[in-house]
Amino acid sequence: MARTKKVGLSGKYGARYGRSVKKKVVAIESIKNKKISCPECLNNSVKRVASGIWECKKCGAKMAGKAYKLK
C-alpha cells in the first residue's frame, strides 16, 4: 500500500473519495491500529480482533468495547 508523509494512512485510496472523508478515515484507523494497554496485565498488547472485540496478545483476555476504541 502506498503511503506518503502528506496523506499518511489514506494514501492507499489514491485520488478517490475526497480530502474530508480521507481525514476522517485517518483519524479512525490511527486509533484502531494502535496498541492499547491491557486492563488486566497492564501490557501494551491489546489489539482489535473484530468490531467491538479486543484481545490481549500476552494474557489472552478478551474484552468488549466500542468499534474503534477500547473504553
N, C-alpha and C. Protein backbone atom coordinates (compact mmCIF):
# COMPACT_ATOMS: atom_id res chain seq x y z
N MET A 1 0.83 -1.18 0.00
CA MET A 1 0.00 0.00 0.00
C MET A 1 0.87 1.25 0.00
N ALA A 2 0.47 2.21 -0.75
CA ALA A 2 1.25 3.44 -0.87
C ALA A 2 0.90 4.40 0.28
N ARG A 3 1.93 4.95 0.88
CA ARG A 3 1.75 5.96 1.92
C ARG A 3 2.76 7.06 1.68
N THR A 4 2.41 8.26 2.03
CA THR A 4 3.34 9.36 1.96
C THR A 4 3.23 10.16 3.25
N LYS A 5 4.18 11.06 3.46
CA LYS A 5 4.14 11.91 4.65
C LYS A 5 2.89 12.79 4.65
N LYS A 6 2.51 13.25 3.48
CA LYS A 6 1.44 14.24 3.40
C LYS A 6 0.07 13.62 3.71
N VAL A 7 -0.22 12.45 3.18
CA VAL A 7 -1.55 11.88 3.35
C VAL A 7 -1.61 10.74 4.36
N GLY A 8 -0.48 10.15 4.72
CA GLY A 8 -0.45 9.12 5.75
C GLY A 8 -1.18 7.86 5.36
N LEU A 9 -2.02 7.35 6.25
CA LEU A 9 -2.73 6.10 6.02
C LEU A 9 -3.73 6.16 4.88
N SER A 10 -4.18 7.34 4.52
CA SER A 10 -5.18 7.45 3.46
C SER A 10 -4.56 7.42 2.07
N GLY A 11 -3.24 7.24 1.97
CA GLY A 11 -2.58 7.17 0.68
C GLY A 11 -3.02 5.97 -0.14
N LYS A 12 -3.54 4.94 0.54
CA LYS A 12 -3.98 3.75 -0.19
C LYS A 12 -5.24 4.00 -1.02
N TYR A 13 -5.94 5.10 -0.79
CA TYR A 13 -7.15 5.40 -1.55
C TYR A 13 -6.88 6.25 -2.79
N GLY A 14 -5.66 6.72 -2.96
CA GLY A 14 -5.29 7.47 -4.16
C GLY A 14 -6.07 8.76 -4.29
N ALA A 15 -6.58 9.01 -5.49
CA ALA A 15 -7.29 10.26 -5.76
C ALA A 15 -8.79 10.14 -5.53
N ARG A 16 -9.22 9.07 -4.91
CA ARG A 16 -10.66 8.83 -4.73
C ARG A 16 -11.18 9.36 -3.39
N TYR A 17 -12.45 9.59 -3.29
CA TYR A 17 -13.24 9.87 -2.09
C TYR A 17 -13.13 11.27 -1.49
N GLY A 18 -12.18 12.09 -1.84
CA GLY A 18 -12.12 13.45 -1.33
C GLY A 18 -11.33 13.58 -0.04
N ARG A 19 -10.87 14.77 0.22
CA ARG A 19 -9.96 15.01 1.34
C ARG A 19 -10.64 14.89 2.70
N SER A 20 -11.87 15.39 2.83
CA SER A 20 -12.52 15.38 4.14
C SER A 20 -12.85 13.96 4.59
N VAL A 21 -13.24 13.11 3.67
CA VAL A 21 -13.52 11.71 4.01
C VAL A 21 -12.24 11.01 4.40
N LYS A 22 -11.15 11.28 3.69
CA LYS A 22 -9.88 10.64 3.99
C LYS A 22 -9.32 11.10 5.33
N LYS A 23 -9.58 12.34 5.74
CA LYS A 23 -9.16 12.82 7.05
C LYS A 23 -9.84 12.04 8.16
N LYS A 24 -11.15 11.77 7.99
CA LYS A 24 -11.90 11.00 8.98
C LYS A 24 -11.38 9.57 9.06
N VAL A 25 -11.07 8.99 7.91
CA VAL A 25 -10.55 7.62 7.87
C VAL A 25 -9.21 7.53 8.57
N VAL A 26 -8.35 8.50 8.37
CA VAL A 26 -7.03 8.51 9.01
C VAL A 26 -7.20 8.60 10.53
N ALA A 27 -8.12 9.43 10.99
CA ALA A 27 -8.34 9.56 12.43
C ALA A 27 -8.82 8.25 13.04
N ILE A 28 -9.75 7.58 12.37
CA ILE A 28 -10.29 6.31 12.88
C ILE A 28 -9.24 5.21 12.82
N GLU A 29 -8.54 5.09 11.70
CA GLU A 29 -7.59 3.99 11.54
C GLU A 29 -6.37 4.14 12.45
N SER A 30 -5.96 5.36 12.73
CA SER A 30 -4.81 5.54 13.61
C SER A 30 -5.16 5.10 15.03
N ILE A 31 -6.39 5.33 15.47
CA ILE A 31 -6.84 4.88 16.79
C ILE A 31 -7.02 3.37 16.79
N LYS A 32 -7.62 2.85 15.73
CA LYS A 32 -7.95 1.43 15.64
C LYS A 32 -6.71 0.55 15.61
N ASN A 33 -5.65 0.98 14.94
CA ASN A 33 -4.46 0.16 14.76
C ASN A 33 -3.45 0.30 15.89
N LYS A 34 -3.66 1.24 16.80
CA LYS A 34 -2.71 1.49 17.88
C LYS A 34 -2.84 0.41 18.96
N LYS A 35 -1.71 0.02 19.55
CA LYS A 35 -1.76 -0.94 20.65
C LYS A 35 -2.17 -0.21 21.92
N ILE A 36 -3.03 -0.85 22.71
CA ILE A 36 -3.60 -0.24 23.90
C ILE A 36 -3.17 -1.08 25.10
N SER A 37 -3.07 -0.47 26.26
CA SER A 37 -2.66 -1.21 27.45
C SER A 37 -3.81 -2.06 27.97
N CYS A 38 -3.48 -3.28 28.37
CA CYS A 38 -4.46 -4.24 28.88
C CYS A 38 -4.86 -3.87 30.31
N PRO A 39 -6.15 -3.84 30.62
CA PRO A 39 -6.55 -3.52 31.99
C PRO A 39 -6.23 -4.63 33.00
N GLU A 40 -5.96 -5.85 32.51
CA GLU A 40 -5.67 -6.96 33.42
C GLU A 40 -4.18 -7.12 33.69
N CYS A 41 -3.35 -7.19 32.62
CA CYS A 41 -1.92 -7.42 32.83
C CYS A 41 -1.09 -6.14 32.65
N LEU A 42 -1.72 -5.04 32.26
CA LEU A 42 -1.10 -3.72 32.11
C LEU A 42 0.01 -3.66 31.06
N ASN A 43 0.01 -4.57 30.10
CA ASN A 43 0.96 -4.52 28.99
C ASN A 43 0.35 -3.79 27.80
N ASN A 44 1.18 -3.28 26.93
CA ASN A 44 0.73 -2.59 25.72
C ASN A 44 0.52 -3.61 24.61
N SER A 45 -0.42 -4.52 24.79
CA SER A 45 -0.55 -5.61 23.83
C SER A 45 -1.98 -5.91 23.43
N VAL A 46 -2.91 -4.98 23.63
CA VAL A 46 -4.30 -5.19 23.24
C VAL A 46 -4.47 -4.73 21.80
N LYS A 47 -5.03 -5.62 20.96
CA LYS A 47 -5.30 -5.28 19.57
C LYS A 47 -6.74 -5.61 19.26
N ARG A 48 -7.26 -4.99 18.23
CA ARG A 48 -8.63 -5.18 17.80
C ARG A 48 -8.74 -6.46 16.99
N VAL A 49 -9.63 -7.35 17.39
CA VAL A 49 -9.86 -8.60 16.68
C VAL A 49 -10.95 -8.42 15.64
N ALA A 50 -12.05 -7.81 16.06
CA ALA A 50 -13.18 -7.53 15.18
C ALA A 50 -13.85 -6.26 15.70
N SER A 51 -14.94 -5.87 15.08
CA SER A 51 -15.62 -4.66 15.50
C SER A 51 -16.15 -4.82 16.93
N GLY A 52 -15.58 -4.08 17.86
CA GLY A 52 -16.02 -4.12 19.25
C GLY A 52 -15.39 -5.23 20.08
N ILE A 53 -14.53 -6.05 19.51
CA ILE A 53 -13.88 -7.14 20.24
C ILE A 53 -12.38 -6.88 20.27
N TRP A 54 -11.82 -6.87 21.48
CA TRP A 54 -10.41 -6.57 21.69
C TRP A 54 -9.78 -7.72 22.45
N GLU A 55 -8.52 -8.05 22.11
CA GLU A 55 -7.85 -9.17 22.75
C GLU A 55 -6.42 -8.79 23.12
N CYS A 56 -6.02 -9.22 24.33
CA CYS A 56 -4.65 -9.01 24.77
C CYS A 56 -3.81 -10.16 24.23
N LYS A 57 -2.73 -9.84 23.54
CA LYS A 57 -1.87 -10.85 22.94
C LYS A 57 -1.02 -11.55 23.99
N LYS A 58 -0.81 -10.93 25.15
CA LYS A 58 0.04 -11.52 26.18
C LYS A 58 -0.73 -12.46 27.10
N CYS A 59 -1.81 -11.95 27.71
CA CYS A 59 -2.54 -12.77 28.69
C CYS A 59 -3.76 -13.46 28.09
N GLY A 60 -4.16 -13.10 26.86
CA GLY A 60 -5.27 -13.77 26.19
C GLY A 60 -6.65 -13.29 26.61
N ALA A 61 -6.73 -12.23 27.41
CA ALA A 61 -8.02 -11.72 27.85
C ALA A 61 -8.75 -11.05 26.69
N LYS A 62 -10.04 -11.35 26.57
CA LYS A 62 -10.86 -10.71 25.54
C LYS A 62 -11.81 -9.74 26.21
N MET A 63 -11.98 -8.58 25.57
CA MET A 63 -12.83 -7.54 26.11
C MET A 63 -13.77 -7.03 25.04
N ALA A 64 -14.89 -6.50 25.46
CA ALA A 64 -15.82 -5.84 24.55
C ALA A 64 -15.68 -4.35 24.75
N GLY A 65 -15.75 -3.61 23.66
CA GLY A 65 -15.63 -2.16 23.75
C GLY A 65 -16.33 -1.52 22.57
N LYS A 66 -15.95 -0.32 22.29
CA LYS A 66 -16.51 0.36 21.14
C LYS A 66 -15.86 -0.18 19.87
N ALA A 67 -16.39 0.19 18.73
CA ALA A 67 -15.91 -0.36 17.47
C ALA A 67 -14.46 -0.01 17.18
N TYR A 68 -14.05 1.23 17.46
CA TYR A 68 -12.70 1.65 17.14
C TYR A 68 -11.86 2.00 18.35
N LYS A 69 -12.45 2.02 19.55
CA LYS A 69 -11.72 2.34 20.78
C LYS A 69 -12.12 1.36 21.86
N LEU A 70 -11.18 1.04 22.71
CA LEU A 70 -11.49 0.23 23.88
C LEU A 70 -11.75 1.19 25.03
N LYS A 71 -12.94 1.19 25.54
CA LYS A 71 -13.27 2.10 26.63
C LYS A 71 -13.54 1.33 27.88
